[in-house]
PDB file of N, CA and C in Angstrom:
ATOM      1  N   MET A   1     106.956  86.814  -1.060  1.00  0.00           N
ATOM      2  CA  MET A   1     106.906  86.066   0.100  1.00  0.00           C
ATOM      3  C   MET A   1     107.775  86.492   1.511  1.00  0.00           C
ATOM      4  N   ASN A   2     107.682  86.788   2.489  1.00  0.00           N
ATOM      5  CA  ASN A   2     108.255  86.601   3.881  1.00  0.00           C
ATOM      6  C   ASN A   2     108.986  85.498   4.420  1.00  0.00           C
ATOM      7  N   LYS A   3     110.809  85.521   4.602  1.00  0.00           N
ATOM      8  CA  LYS A   3     111.017  84.963   5.102  1.00  0.00           C
ATOM      9  C   LYS A   3     111.058  84.582   6.065  1.00  0.00           C
ATOM     10  N   ALA A   4     111.058  83.635   7.142  1.00  0.00           N
ATOM     11  CA  ALA A   4     111.197  83.436   8.661  1.00  0.00           C
ATOM     12  C   ALA A   4     112.408  84.139   9.041  1.00  0.00           C
ATOM     13  N   LYS A   5     113.424  83.800   8.525  1.00  0.00           N
ATOM     14  CA  LYS A   5     114.796  84.237   9.157  1.00  0.00           C
ATOM     15  C   LYS A   5     115.659  84.643   7.774  1.00  0.00           C
ATOM     16  N   GLU A   6     116.027  85.849   8.054  1.00  0.00           N
ATOM     17  CA  GLU A   6     117.100  86.774   7.050  1.00  0.00           C
ATOM     18  C   GLU A   6     117.767  85.847   6.491  1.00  0.00           C
ATOM     19  N   ASP A   7     118.418  85.746   5.396  1.00  0.00           N
ATOM     20  CA  ASP A   7     119.289  84.582   4.485  1.00  0.00           C
ATOM     21  C   ASP A   7     120.718  85.553   4.168  1.00  0.00           C
ATOM     22  N   SER A   8     121.588  85.238   5.219  1.00  0.00           N
ATOM     23  CA  SER A   8     122.768  85.993   5.258  1.00  0.00           C
ATOM     24  C   SER A   8     124.051  85.528   4.767  1.00  0.00           C
ATOM     25  N   LEU A   9     125.072  85.756   4.016  1.00  0.00           N
ATOM     26  CA  LEU A   9     125.764  85.074   3.566  1.00  0.00           C
ATOM     27  C   LEU A   9     127.061  86.179   4.113  1.00  0.00           C
ATOM     28  N   LEU A  10     128.284  85.540   4.144  1.00  0.00           N
ATOM     29  CA  LEU A  10     129.595  86.023   4.733  1.00  0.00           C
ATOM     30  C   LEU A  10     130.774  85.545   3.625  1.00  0.00           C
ATOM     31  N   VAL A  11     131.414  86.393   2.836  1.00  0.00           N
ATOM     32  CA  VAL A  11     132.256  85.725   1.989  1.00  0.00           C
ATOM     33  C   VAL A  11     133.871  86.405   2.404  1.00  0.00           C
ATOM     34  N   VAL A  12     134.559  85.618   2.922  1.00  0.00           N
ATOM     35  CA  VAL A  12     135.939  85.931   3.530  1.00  0.00           C
ATOM     36  C   VAL A  12     136.418  85.676   2.247  1.00  0.00           C
ATOM     37  N   TRP A  13     137.634  86.972   1.844  1.00  0.00           N
ATOM     38  CA  TRP A  13     138.307  86.929   0.735  1.00  0.00           C
ATOM     39  C   TRP A  13     139.490  86.984   1.492  1.00  0.00           C
ATOM     40  N   THR A  14     140.399  85.786   1.094  1.00  0.00           N
ATOM     41  CA  THR A  14     142.153  86.327   1.599  1.00  0.00           C
ATOM     42  C   THR A  14     142.660  85.992   0.552  1.00  0.00           C
ATOM     43  N   SER A  15     142.338  85.478  -0.509  1.00  0.00           N
ATOM     44  CA  SER A  15     143.818  85.356  -1.822  1.00  0.00           C
ATOM     45  C   SER A  15     144.002  86.471  -2.357  1.00  0.00           C
ATOM     46  N   GLY A  16     145.368  86.777  -2.848  1.00  0.00           N
ATOM     47  CA  GLY A  16     145.965  87.627  -3.416  1.00  0.00           C
ATOM     48  C   GLY A  16     146.030  87.728  -5.073  1.00  0.00           C
ATOM     49  N   ASP A  17     145.484  86.851  -5.231  1.00  0.00           N
ATOM     50  CA  ASP A  17     144.890  86.124  -6.692  1.00  0.00           C
ATOM     51  C   ASP A  17     144.290  87.261  -7.364  1.00  0.00           C
ATOM     52  N   LYS A  18     144.339  87.949  -8.462  1.00  0.00           N
ATOM     53  CA  LYS A  18     143.465  88.507  -8.947  1.00  0.00           C
ATOM     54  C   LYS A  18     142.278  87.976  -9.835  1.00  0.00           C
ATOM     55  N   GLU A  19     142.691  87.095 -10.477  1.00  0.00           N
ATOM     56  CA  GLU A  19     141.507  86.034 -11.144  1.00  0.00           C
ATOM     57  C   GLU A  19     141.084  85.840 -10.249  1.00  0.00           C
ATOM     58  N   VAL A  20     141.237  85.308  -9.114  1.00  0.00           N
ATOM     59  CA  VAL A  20     140.136  84.295  -8.215  1.00  0.00           C
ATOM     60  C   VAL A  20     139.046  85.464  -7.309  1.00  0.00           C
ATOM     61  N   ALA A  21     139.075  86.978  -7.253  1.00  0.00           N
ATOM     62  CA  ALA A  21     138.622  88.043  -7.103  1.00  0.00           C
ATOM     63  C   ALA A  21     137.755  88.110  -8.330  1.00  0.00           C
ATOM     64  N   LEU A  22     137.862  88.358  -9.512  1.00  0.00           N
ATOM     65  CA  LEU A  22     137.352  88.746 -10.521  1.00  0.00           C
ATOM     66  C   LEU A  22     136.607  87.687 -11.062  1.00  0.00           C
ATOM     67  N   LYS A  23     136.945  86.333 -11.429  1.00  0.00           N
ATOM     68  CA  LYS A  23     135.980  85.226 -11.783  1.00  0.00           C
ATOM     69  C   LYS A  23     135.107  84.493 -10.675  1.00  0.00           C
ATOM     70  N   MET A  24     135.543  84.779  -9.658  1.00  0.00           N
ATOM     71  CA  MET A  24     135.116  83.913  -8.467  1.00  0.00           C
ATOM     72  C   MET A  24     133.976  84.941  -7.526  1.00  0.00           C
ATOM     73  N   VAL A  25     135.172  85.356  -6.547  1.00  0.00           N
ATOM     74  CA  VAL A  25     134.868  86.437  -5.001  1.00  0.00           C
ATOM     75  C   VAL A  25     134.042  87.328  -5.774  1.00  0.00           C
ATOM     76  N   PHE A  26     134.549  88.158  -6.400  1.00  0.00           N
ATOM     77  CA  PHE A  26     133.631  89.530  -6.795  1.00  0.00           C
ATOM     78  C   PHE A  26     132.134  89.231  -7.750  1.00  0.00           C
ATOM     79  N   MET A  27     132.190  88.504  -8.721  1.00  0.00           N
ATOM     80  CA  MET A  27     130.999  88.244  -9.097  1.00  0.00           C
ATOM     81  C   MET A  27     129.850  87.489  -8.238  1.00  0.00           C
ATOM     82  N   TYR A  28     130.326  86.187  -7.486  1.00  0.00           N
ATOM     83  CA  TYR A  28     129.269  86.129  -6.855  1.00  0.00           C
ATOM     84  C   TYR A  28     128.735  86.724  -5.947  1.00  0.00           C
ATOM     85  N   ALA A  29     129.793  87.571  -4.749  1.00  0.00           N
ATOM     86  CA  ALA A  29     129.007  88.503  -3.788  1.00  0.00           C
ATOM     87  C   ALA A  29     128.120  89.663  -4.811  1.00  0.00           C
ATOM     88  N   ARG A  30     128.339  90.161  -5.686  1.00  0.00           N
ATOM     89  CA  ARG A  30     127.551  90.953  -6.334  1.00  0.00           C
ATOM     90  C   ARG A  30     126.729  90.727  -7.417  1.00  0.00           C
ATOM     91  N   ASN A  31     126.311  89.392  -7.864  1.00  0.00           N
ATOM     92  CA  ASN A  31     125.162  88.441  -7.849  1.00  0.00           C
ATOM     93  C   ASN A  31     124.343  88.282  -7.292  1.00  0.00           C
ATOM     94  N   SER A  32     125.064  88.107  -5.976  1.00  0.00           N
ATOM     95  CA  SER A  32     124.013  87.475  -4.960  1.00  0.00           C
ATOM     96  C   SER A  32     123.040  88.570  -4.330  1.00  0.00           C
ATOM     97  N   MET A  33     123.735  89.838  -4.193  1.00  0.00           N
ATOM     98  CA  MET A  33     122.596  91.380  -4.023  1.00  0.00           C
ATOM     99  C   MET A  33     121.738  91.082  -5.560  1.00  0.00           C
ATOM    100  N   LYS A  34     122.749  91.533  -6.198  1.00  0.00           N
ATOM    101  CA  LYS A  34     121.756  91.973  -7.522  1.00  0.00           C
ATOM    102  C   LYS A  34     120.641  90.969  -8.119  1.00  0.00           C
ATOM    103  N   LYS A  35     120.905  89.585  -7.766  1.00  0.00           N
ATOM    104  CA  LYS A  35     119.915  88.741  -8.047  1.00  0.00           C
ATOM    105  C   LYS A  35     119.164  88.244  -7.119  1.00  0.00           C
ATOM    106  N   ALA A  36     119.093  89.126  -6.183  1.00  0.00           N
ATOM    107  CA  ALA A  36     118.439  88.634  -4.520  1.00  0.00           C
ATOM    108  C   ALA A  36     118.430  87.033  -4.115  1.00  0.00           C
ATOM    109  N   TRP A  37     120.071  86.524  -4.392  1.00  0.00           N
ATOM    110  CA  TRP A  37     119.716  84.793  -4.296  1.00  0.00           C
ATOM    111  C   TRP A  37     120.122  85.068  -2.398  1.00  0.00           C
ATOM    112  N   TRP A  38     120.478  86.119  -2.446  1.00  0.00           N
ATOM    113  CA  TRP A  38     120.594  86.496  -0.223  1.00  0.00           C
ATOM    114  C   TRP A  38     119.973  87.736  -0.227  1.00  0.00           C
ATOM    115  N   ASP A  39     119.800  87.628   1.077  1.00  0.00           N
ATOM    116  CA  ASP A  39     118.832  89.086   1.838  1.00  0.00           C
ATOM    117  C   ASP A  39     120.310  90.037   1.958  1.00  0.00           C
ATOM    118  N   ARG A  40     121.706  89.576   2.431  1.00  0.00           N
ATOM    119  CA  ARG A  40     122.398  90.172   3.049  1.00  0.00           C
ATOM    120  C   ARG A  40     123.581  89.579   2.492  1.00  0.00           C
ATOM    121  N   VAL A  41     124.644  90.353   2.309  1.00  0.00           N
ATOM    122  CA  VAL A  41     125.901  89.926   2.039  1.00  0.00           C
ATOM    123  C   VAL A  41     127.259  90.567   2.278  1.00  0.00           C
ATOM    124  N   LYS A  42     127.853  90.003   3.061  1.00  0.00           N
ATOM    125  CA  LYS A  42     129.257  90.664   3.899  1.00  0.00           C
ATOM    126  C   LYS A  42     130.285  90.159   3.182  1.00  0.00           C
ATOM    127  N   LEU A  43     131.164  91.488   2.547  1.00  0.00           N
ATOM    128  CA  LEU A  43     132.495  90.647   2.146  1.00  0.00           C
ATOM    129  C   LEU A  43     133.893  91.101   2.714  1.00  0.00           C
ATOM    130  N   VAL A  44     134.394  90.334   3.390  1.00  0.00           N
ATOM    131  CA  VAL A  44     135.880  90.637   4.172  1.00  0.00           C
ATOM    132  C   VAL A  44     136.579  90.458   3.582  1.00  0.00           C
ATOM    133  N   VAL A  45     137.569  91.846   3.554  1.00  0.00           N
ATOM    134  CA  VAL A  45     138.869  91.445   2.665  1.00  0.00           C
ATOM    135  C   VAL A  45     139.569  91.408   3.799  1.00  0.00           C
ATOM    136  N   TRP A  46     140.613  90.373   3.925  1.00  0.00           N
ATOM    137  CA  TRP A  46     141.881  89.433   4.327  1.00  0.00           C
ATOM    138  C   TRP A  46     142.797  89.149   4.170  1.00  0.00           C
ATOM    139  N   GLY A  47     143.805  89.415   4.934  1.00  0.00           N
ATOM    140  CA  GLY A  47     145.533  88.978   4.746  1.00  0.00           C
ATOM    141  C   GLY A  47     145.429  89.800   3.280  1.00  0.00           C
ATOM    142  N   PRO A  48     146.522  88.756   1.971  1.00  0.00           N
ATOM    143  CA  PRO A  48     147.052  89.198   1.242  1.00  0.00           C
ATOM    144  C   PRO A  48     145.988  89.910   0.230  1.00  0.00           C
ATOM    145  N   SER A  49     144.334  89.619   0.193  1.00  0.00           N
ATOM    146  CA  SER A  49     143.567  90.403  -0.401  1.00  0.00           C
ATOM    147  C   SER A  49     143.523  91.860  -0.280  1.00  0.00           C
ATOM    148  N   SER A  50     143.907  92.156   1.002  1.00  0.00           N
ATOM    149  CA  SER A  50     144.146  93.751   1.260  1.00  0.00           C
ATOM    150  C   SER A  50     144.888  94.580   0.553  1.00  0.00           C
ATOM    151  N   ASN A  51     145.761  94.178   0.675  1.00  0.00           N
ATOM    152  CA  ASN A  51     147.435  94.613  -0.254  1.00  0.00           C
ATOM    153  C   ASN A  51     146.997  94.631  -1.958  1.00  0.00           C
ATOM    154  N   LEU A  52     146.388  93.415  -2.411  1.00  0.00           N
ATOM    155  CA  LEU A  52     146.198  93.590  -3.554  1.00  0.00           C
ATOM    156  C   LEU A  52     144.807  94.381  -4.225  1.00  0.00           C
ATOM    157  N   LEU A  53     143.989  94.584  -3.220  1.00  0.00           N
ATOM    158  CA  LEU A  53     142.503  95.413  -3.462  1.00  0.00           C
ATOM    159  C   LEU A  53     143.072  97.120  -3.615  1.00  0.00           C
ATOM    160  N   ALA A  54     144.249  97.310  -3.062  1.00  0.00           N
ATOM    161  CA  ALA A  54     144.591  98.668  -2.403  1.00  0.00           C
ATOM    162  C   ALA A  54     145.437  99.282  -3.336  1.00  0.00           C
ATOM    163  N   GLN A  55     146.306  98.489  -4.462  1.00  0.00           N
ATOM    164  CA  GLN A  55     146.894  98.696  -5.492  1.00  0.00           C
ATOM    165  C   GLN A  55     146.035  98.387  -6.778  1.00  0.00           C
ATOM    166  N   ASP A  56     145.206  97.346  -6.778  1.00  0.00           N
ATOM    167  CA  ASP A  56     144.401  96.805  -7.809  1.00  0.00           C
ATOM    168  C   ASP A  56     143.226  98.475  -8.132  1.00  0.00           C
ATOM    169  N   LYS A  57     143.640  99.102  -9.385  1.00  0.00           N
ATOM    170  CA  LYS A  57     142.419 100.188  -9.985  1.00  0.00           C
ATOM    171  C   LYS A  57     140.749  99.309 -10.248  1.00  0.00           C
ATOM    172  N   GLU A  58     141.367  98.253 -11.149  1.00  0.00           N
ATOM    173  CA  GLU A  58     140.300  97.255 -11.819  1.00  0.00           C
ATOM    174  C   GLU A  58     139.235  96.773 -10.672  1.00  0.00           C
ATOM    175  N   LEU A  59     140.111  96.581  -9.607  1.00  0.00           N
ATOM    176  CA  LEU A  59     139.684  96.044  -8.108  1.00  0.00           C
ATOM    177  C   LEU A  59     138.454  96.652  -7.428  1.00  0.00           C
ATOM    178  N   GLN A  60     139.813  97.900  -7.562  1.00  0.00           N
ATOM    179  CA  GLN A  60     138.476  99.085  -6.845  1.00  0.00           C
ATOM    180  C   GLN A  60     137.126  98.768  -7.445  1.00  0.00           C
ATOM    181  N   GLU A  61     137.753  99.408  -8.811  1.00  0.00           N
ATOM    182  CA  GLU A  61     136.064  99.845  -9.261  1.00  0.00           C
ATOM    183  C   GLU A  61     134.965  98.939  -9.016  1.00  0.00           C
ATOM    184  N   GLN A  62     135.746  97.492  -9.205  1.00  0.00           N
ATOM    185  CA  GLN A  62     134.500  96.373  -8.949  1.00  0.00           C
ATOM    186  C   GLN A  62     134.057  96.437  -7.295  1.00  0.00           C
ATOM    187  N   VAL A  63     134.998  96.958  -6.908  1.00  0.00           N
ATOM    188  CA  VAL A  63     134.235  97.377  -5.122  1.00  0.00           C
ATOM    189  C   VAL A  63     132.989  97.818  -4.940  1.00  0.00           C
ATOM    190  N   LYS A  64     133.367  99.320  -5.670  1.00  0.00           N
ATOM    191  CA  LYS A  64     132.374 100.189  -6.011  1.00  0.00           C
ATOM    192  C   LYS A  64     131.087  99.877  -6.528  1.00  0.00           C
ATOM    193  N   ILE A  65     131.078  99.085  -7.575  1.00  0.00           N
ATOM    194  CA  ILE A  65     129.694  98.282  -8.181  1.00  0.00           C
ATOM    195  C   ILE A  65     129.097  97.042  -6.909  1.00  0.00           C
ATOM    196  N   MET A  66     129.671  96.483  -6.421  1.00  0.00           N
ATOM    197  CA  MET A  66     129.350  95.575  -5.532  1.00  0.00           C
ATOM    198  C   MET A  66     128.650  96.220  -4.159  1.00  0.00           C
ATOM    199  N   GLN A  67     129.434  97.323  -3.814  1.00  0.00           N
ATOM    200  CA  GLN A  67     128.750  98.005  -2.561  1.00  0.00           C
ATOM    201  C   GLN A  67     127.772  99.023  -3.111  1.00  0.00           C
ATOM    202  N   ASP A  68     127.409  99.687  -4.587  1.00  0.00           N
ATOM    203  CA  ASP A  68     125.836 100.246  -4.942  1.00  0.00           C
ATOM    204  C   ASP A  68     124.969  98.997  -5.211  1.00  0.00           C
ATOM    205  N   PHE A  69     125.391  97.797  -5.183  1.00  0.00           N
ATOM    206  CA  PHE A  69     124.430  96.218  -5.180  1.00  0.00           C
ATOM    207  C   PHE A  69     123.957  96.001  -3.716  1.00  0.00           C
ATOM    208  N   GLY A  70     125.039  96.671  -2.910  1.00  0.00           N
ATOM    209  CA  GLY A  70     124.439  96.651  -1.283  1.00  0.00           C
ATOM    210  C   GLY A  70     125.055  95.265  -0.669  1.00  0.00           C
ATOM    211  N   VAL A  71     126.403  94.782  -1.180  1.00  0.00           N
ATOM    212  CA  VAL A  71     127.131  94.265  -0.936  1.00  0.00           C
ATOM    213  C   VAL A  71     127.736  94.972   0.489  1.00  0.00           C
ATOM    214  N   GLU A  72     128.175  94.811   1.571  1.00  0.00           N
ATOM    215  CA  GLU A  72     128.802  95.428   2.960  1.00  0.00           C
ATOM    216  C   GLU A  72     130.129  94.693   2.877  1.00  0.00           C
ATOM    217  N   MET A  73     131.098  95.953   2.722  1.00  0.00           N
ATOM    218  CA  MET A  73     132.680  95.520   2.896  1.00  0.00           C
ATOM    219  C   MET A  73     133.160  96.055   4.023  1.00  0.00           C
ATOM    220  N   TYR A  74     133.912  95.064   4.530  1.00  0.00           N
ATOM    221  CA  TYR A  74     134.639  94.937   5.722  1.00  0.00           C
ATOM    222  C   TYR A  74     136.495  94.645   5.318  1.00  0.00           C
ATOM    223  N   ALA A  75     137.461  94.899   6.510  1.00  0.00           N
ATOM    224  CA  ALA A  75     138.437  94.301   5.833  1.00  0.00           C
ATOM    225  C   ALA A  75     138.863  94.539   7.259  1.00  0.00           C
ATOM    226  N   CYS A  76     139.753  93.441   7.485  1.00  0.00           N
ATOM    227  CA  CYS A  76     140.456  93.597   9.233  1.00  0.00           C
ATOM    228  C   CYS A  76     141.641  94.449   9.186  1.00  0.00           C
ATOM    229  N   ILE A  77     141.585  95.206  10.588  1.00  0.00           N
ATOM    230  CA  ILE A  77     142.799  96.073  10.114  1.00  0.00           C
ATOM    231  C   ILE A  77     143.573  95.797  10.877  1.00  0.00           C
ATOM    232  N   THR A  78     144.040  94.193  11.468  1.00  0.00           N
ATOM    233  CA  THR A  78     145.695  94.245  11.612  1.00  0.00           C
ATOM    234  C   THR A  78     146.122  93.954  10.433  1.00  0.00           C
ATOM    235  N   CYS A  79     145.285  92.767   9.933  1.00  0.00           N
ATOM    236  CA  CYS A  79     146.264  92.765   8.254  1.00  0.00           C
ATOM    237  C   CYS A  79     146.348  93.918   7.454  1.00  0.00           C
ATOM    238  N   ALA A  80     145.431  95.025   7.568  1.00  0.00           N
ATOM    239  CA  ALA A  80     145.717  95.977   6.629  1.00  0.00           C
ATOM    240  C   ALA A  80     146.580  96.530   7.026  1.00  0.00           C
ATOM    241  N   ASP A  81     147.046  97.103   8.459  1.00  0.00           N
ATOM    242  CA  ASP A  81     147.638  97.725   9.195  1.00  0.00           C
ATOM    243  C   ASP A  81     149.524  97.258   8.530  1.00  0.00           C
ATOM    244  N   MET A  82     149.551  95.621   8.679  1.00  0.00           N
ATOM    245  CA  MET A  82     150.263  94.890   8.404  1.00  0.00           C
ATOM    246  C   MET A  82     150.968  95.382   6.923  1.00  0.00           C
ATOM    247  N   TYR A  83     149.883  95.547   6.034  1.00  0.00           N
ATOM    248  CA  TYR A  83     150.671  96.079   4.548  1.00  0.00           C
ATOM    249  C   TYR A  83     150.511  97.412   4.613  1.00  0.00           C
ATOM    250  N   GLY A  84     150.079  98.362   5.469  1.00  0.00           N
ATOM    251  CA  GLY A  84     150.233  99.761   5.338  1.00  0.00           C
ATOM    252  C   GLY A  84     149.352 100.288   4.452  1.00  0.00           C
ATOM    253  N   VAL A  85     147.754  99.390   4.129  1.00  0.00           N
ATOM    254  CA  VAL A  85     146.933 100.003   3.583  1.00  0.00           C
ATOM    255  C   VAL A  85     145.692 100.390   4.211  1.00  0.00           C
ATOM    256  N   THR A  86     145.854 100.644   5.203  1.00  0.00           N
ATOM    257  CA  THR A  86     144.303 101.018   6.347  1.00  0.00           C
ATOM    258  C   THR A  86     143.943 101.568   5.489  1.00  0.00           C
ATOM    259  N   GLY A  87     144.463 103.236   5.666  1.00  0.00           N
ATOM    260  CA  GLY A  87     143.717 104.261   4.739  1.00  0.00           C
ATOM    261  C   GLY A  87     142.931 103.909   3.275  1.00  0.00           C
ATOM    262  N   ALA A  88     144.118 103.287   2.441  1.00  0.00           N
ATOM    263  CA  ALA A  88     143.441 102.912   1.128  1.00  0.00           C
ATOM    264  C   ALA A  88     142.220 102.817   1.090  1.00  0.00           C
ATOM    265  N   LEU A  89     141.996 101.462   1.715  1.00  0.00           N
ATOM    266  CA  LEU A  89     140.453 100.490   1.824  1.00  0.00           C
ATOM    267  C   LEU A  89     139.779 101.522   2.741  1.00  0.00           C
ATOM    268  N   GLN A  90     139.960 102.780   3.483  1.00  0.00           N
ATOM    269  CA  GLN A  90     138.773 103.308   4.239  1.00  0.00           C
ATOM    270  C   GLN A  90     138.095 103.941   3.202  1.00  0.00           C
ATOM    271  N   GLU A  91     139.493 104.685   2.200  1.00  0.00           N
ATOM    272  CA  GLU A  91     138.943 105.755   0.901  1.00  0.00           C
ATOM    273  C   GLU A  91     137.900 104.840   0.130  1.00  0.00           C
ATOM    274  N   LEU A  92     137.918 103.443   0.191  1.00  0.00           N
ATOM    275  CA  LEU A  92     137.356 103.062  -1.049  1.00  0.00           C
ATOM    276  C   LEU A  92     135.676 102.485  -0.137  1.00  0.00           C
ATOM    277  N   GLY A  93     135.493 103.016   1.077  1.00  0.00           N
ATOM    278  CA  GLY A  93     134.281 102.547   1.662  1.00  0.00           C
ATOM    279  C   GLY A  93     134.216 102.132   2.439  1.00  0.00           C
ATOM    280  N   ILE A  94     135.151 100.944   2.820  1.00  0.00           N
ATOM    281  CA  ILE A  94     135.837  99.622   3.662  1.00  0.00           C
ATOM    282  C   ILE A  94     135.616  99.996   5.127  1.00  0.00           C
ATOM    283  N   GLU A  95     134.963  99.602   5.482  1.00  0.00           N
ATOM    284  CA  GLU A  95     134.824  99.543   7.244  1.00  0.00           C
ATOM    285  C   GLU A  95     136.089  98.519   7.738  1.00  0.00           C
ATOM    286  N   VAL A  96     137.600  99.647   7.811  1.00  0.00           N
ATOM    287  CA  VAL A  96     138.243  98.692   8.686  1.00  0.00           C
ATOM    288  C   VAL A  96     138.482  98.539   9.950  1.00  0.00           C
ATOM    289  N   ILE A  97     138.037  96.974  10.720  1.00  0.00           N
ATOM    290  CA  ILE A  97     137.963  96.885  12.263  1.00  0.00           C
ATOM    291  C   ILE A  97     138.521  95.923  12.081  1.00  0.00           C
ATOM    292  N   PRO A  98     138.687  95.318  13.742  1.00  0.00           N
ATOM    293  CA  PRO A  98     139.178  94.219  14.203  1.00  0.00           C
ATOM    294  C   PRO A  98     138.205  93.351  13.582  1.00  0.00           C
ATOM    295  N   MET A  99     138.829  92.342  13.219  1.00  0.00           N
ATOM    296  CA  MET A  99     137.190  91.249  12.571  1.00  0.00           C
ATOM    297  C   MET A  99     137.261  89.589  13.422  1.00  0.00           C
ATOM    298  N   GLY A 100     138.275  89.972  14.108  1.00  0.00           N
ATOM    299  CA  GLY A 100     138.137  88.458  14.987  1.00  0.00           C
ATOM    300  C   GLY A 100     137.014  88.343  15.609  1.00  0.00           C
ATOM    301  N   VAL A 101     136.408  88.812  16.404  1.00  0.00           N
ATOM    302  CA  VAL A 101     135.209  88.867  16.967  1.00  0.00           C
ATOM    303  C   VAL A 101     134.168  89.298  16.245  1.00  0.00           C
ATOM    304  N   PRO A 102     133.800  89.630  14.763  1.00  0.00           N
ATOM    305  CA  PRO A 102     132.659  89.725  14.571  1.00  0.00           C
ATOM    306  C   PRO A 102     132.588  88.676  13.504  1.00  0.00           C
ATOM    307  N   LEU A 103     133.619  87.878  13.128  1.00  0.00           N
ATOM    308  CA  LEU A 103     133.720  87.276  12.262  1.00  0.00           C
ATOM    309  C   LEU A 103     133.245  85.476  13.413  1.00  0.00           C
ATOM    310  N   THR A 104     134.047  85.451  14.667  1.00  0.00           N
ATOM    311  CA  THR A 104     133.549  84.447  15.352  1.00  0.00           C
ATOM    312  C   THR A 104     131.824  84.548  15.636  1.00  0.00           C
ATOM    313  N   GLU A 105     131.436  85.980  15.582  1.00  0.00           N
ATOM    314  CA  GLU A 105     130.005  86.060  16.089  1.00  0.00           C
ATOM    315  C   GLU A 105     129.063  85.063  14.968  1.00  0.00           C
ATOM    316  N   MET A 106     129.654  86.249  13.463  1.00  0.00           N
ATOM    317  CA  MET A 106     128.670  85.581  12.442  1.00  0.00           C
ATOM    318  C   MET A 106     128.878  83.720  12.095  1.00  0.00           C
ATOM    319  N   LEU A 107     130.308  83.236  12.829  1.00  0.00           N
ATOM    320  CA  LEU A 107     130.405  81.460  12.228  1.00  0.00           C
ATOM    321  C   LEU A 107     129.574  81.054  13.047  1.00  0.00           C
ATOM    322  N   LYS A 108     129.401  81.521  14.636  1.00  0.00           N
ATOM    323  CA  LYS A 108     128.357  80.882  15.340  1.00  0.00           C
ATOM    324  C   LYS A 108     127.208  81.329  15.418  1.00  0.00           C
ATOM    325  N   GLY A 109     127.045  82.191  14.887  1.00  0.00           N
ATOM    326  CA  GLY A 109     125.343  82.657  14.526  1.00  0.00           C
ATOM    327  C   GLY A 109     124.827  81.660  13.218  1.00  0.00           C
ATOM    328  N   GLU A 110     124.003  82.312  12.382  1.00  0.00           N
ATOM    329  CA  GLU A 110     123.176  81.988  11.360  1.00  0.00           C
ATOM    330  C   GLU A 110     123.166  82.479   9.851  1.00  0.00           C
ATOM    331  N   TRP A 111     124.854  82.904   9.794  1.00  0.00           N
ATOM    332  CA  TRP A 111     125.461  83.263   8.482  1.00  0.00           C
ATOM    333  C   TRP A 111     126.047  82.455   7.793  1.00  0.00           C
ATOM    334  N   LYS A 112     125.960  82.174   6.300  1.00  0.00           N
ATOM    335  CA  LYS A 112     126.634  81.008   5.618  1.00  0.00           C
ATOM    336  C   LYS A 112     127.715  81.641   5.325  1.00  0.00           C
ATOM    337  N   THR A 113     128.493  80.810   5.298  1.00  0.00           N
ATOM    338  CA  THR A 113     130.323  81.716   5.197  1.00  0.00           C
ATOM    339  C   THR A 113     131.003  80.643   3.906  1.00  0.00           C
ATOM    340  N   ILE A 114     131.390  81.641   3.302  1.00  0.00           N
ATOM    341  CA  ILE A 114     132.354  81.175   1.917  1.00  0.00           C
ATOM    342  C   ILE A 114     133.582  81.561   2.019  1.00  0.00           C
ATOM    343  N   THR A 115     134.790  80.913   1.804  1.00  0.00           N
ATOM    344  CA  THR A 115     135.861  81.513   1.625  1.00  0.00           C
ATOM    345  C   THR A 115     136.950  81.290   0.713  1.00  0.00           C
ATOM    346  N   PHE A 116     137.770  82.660   0.244  1.00  0.00           N
ATOM    347  CA  PHE A 116     138.490  82.059  -0.492  1.00  0.00           C
ATOM    348  C   PHE A 116     139.793  82.861  -0.511  1.00  0.00           C
TER     349      PHE A 116
END
């Protein structure tokens, strides 16, 4: 069945809590694509989550799995720079960019948005 409009989900992950990442954020984002609950999923790493991700190997492995399922990954460059982790996030295949304008456009557009 063709959908009239693409179902798009934006997940904004700001929490520095690993358990929140593993037991909610990553599970939902991954399964959203794996099980085709959404046509498109973008996960934005913002604030303390960028520092946590840059330091945690288990989370980095989970990011690769999400990417393999088609989750698009972005990070706020201002936050990443503040934590000194821009390069580490880029090495994970995450697009590190200014996020204010893209976030605003998605919020004003047709993207469904959840934050953690």
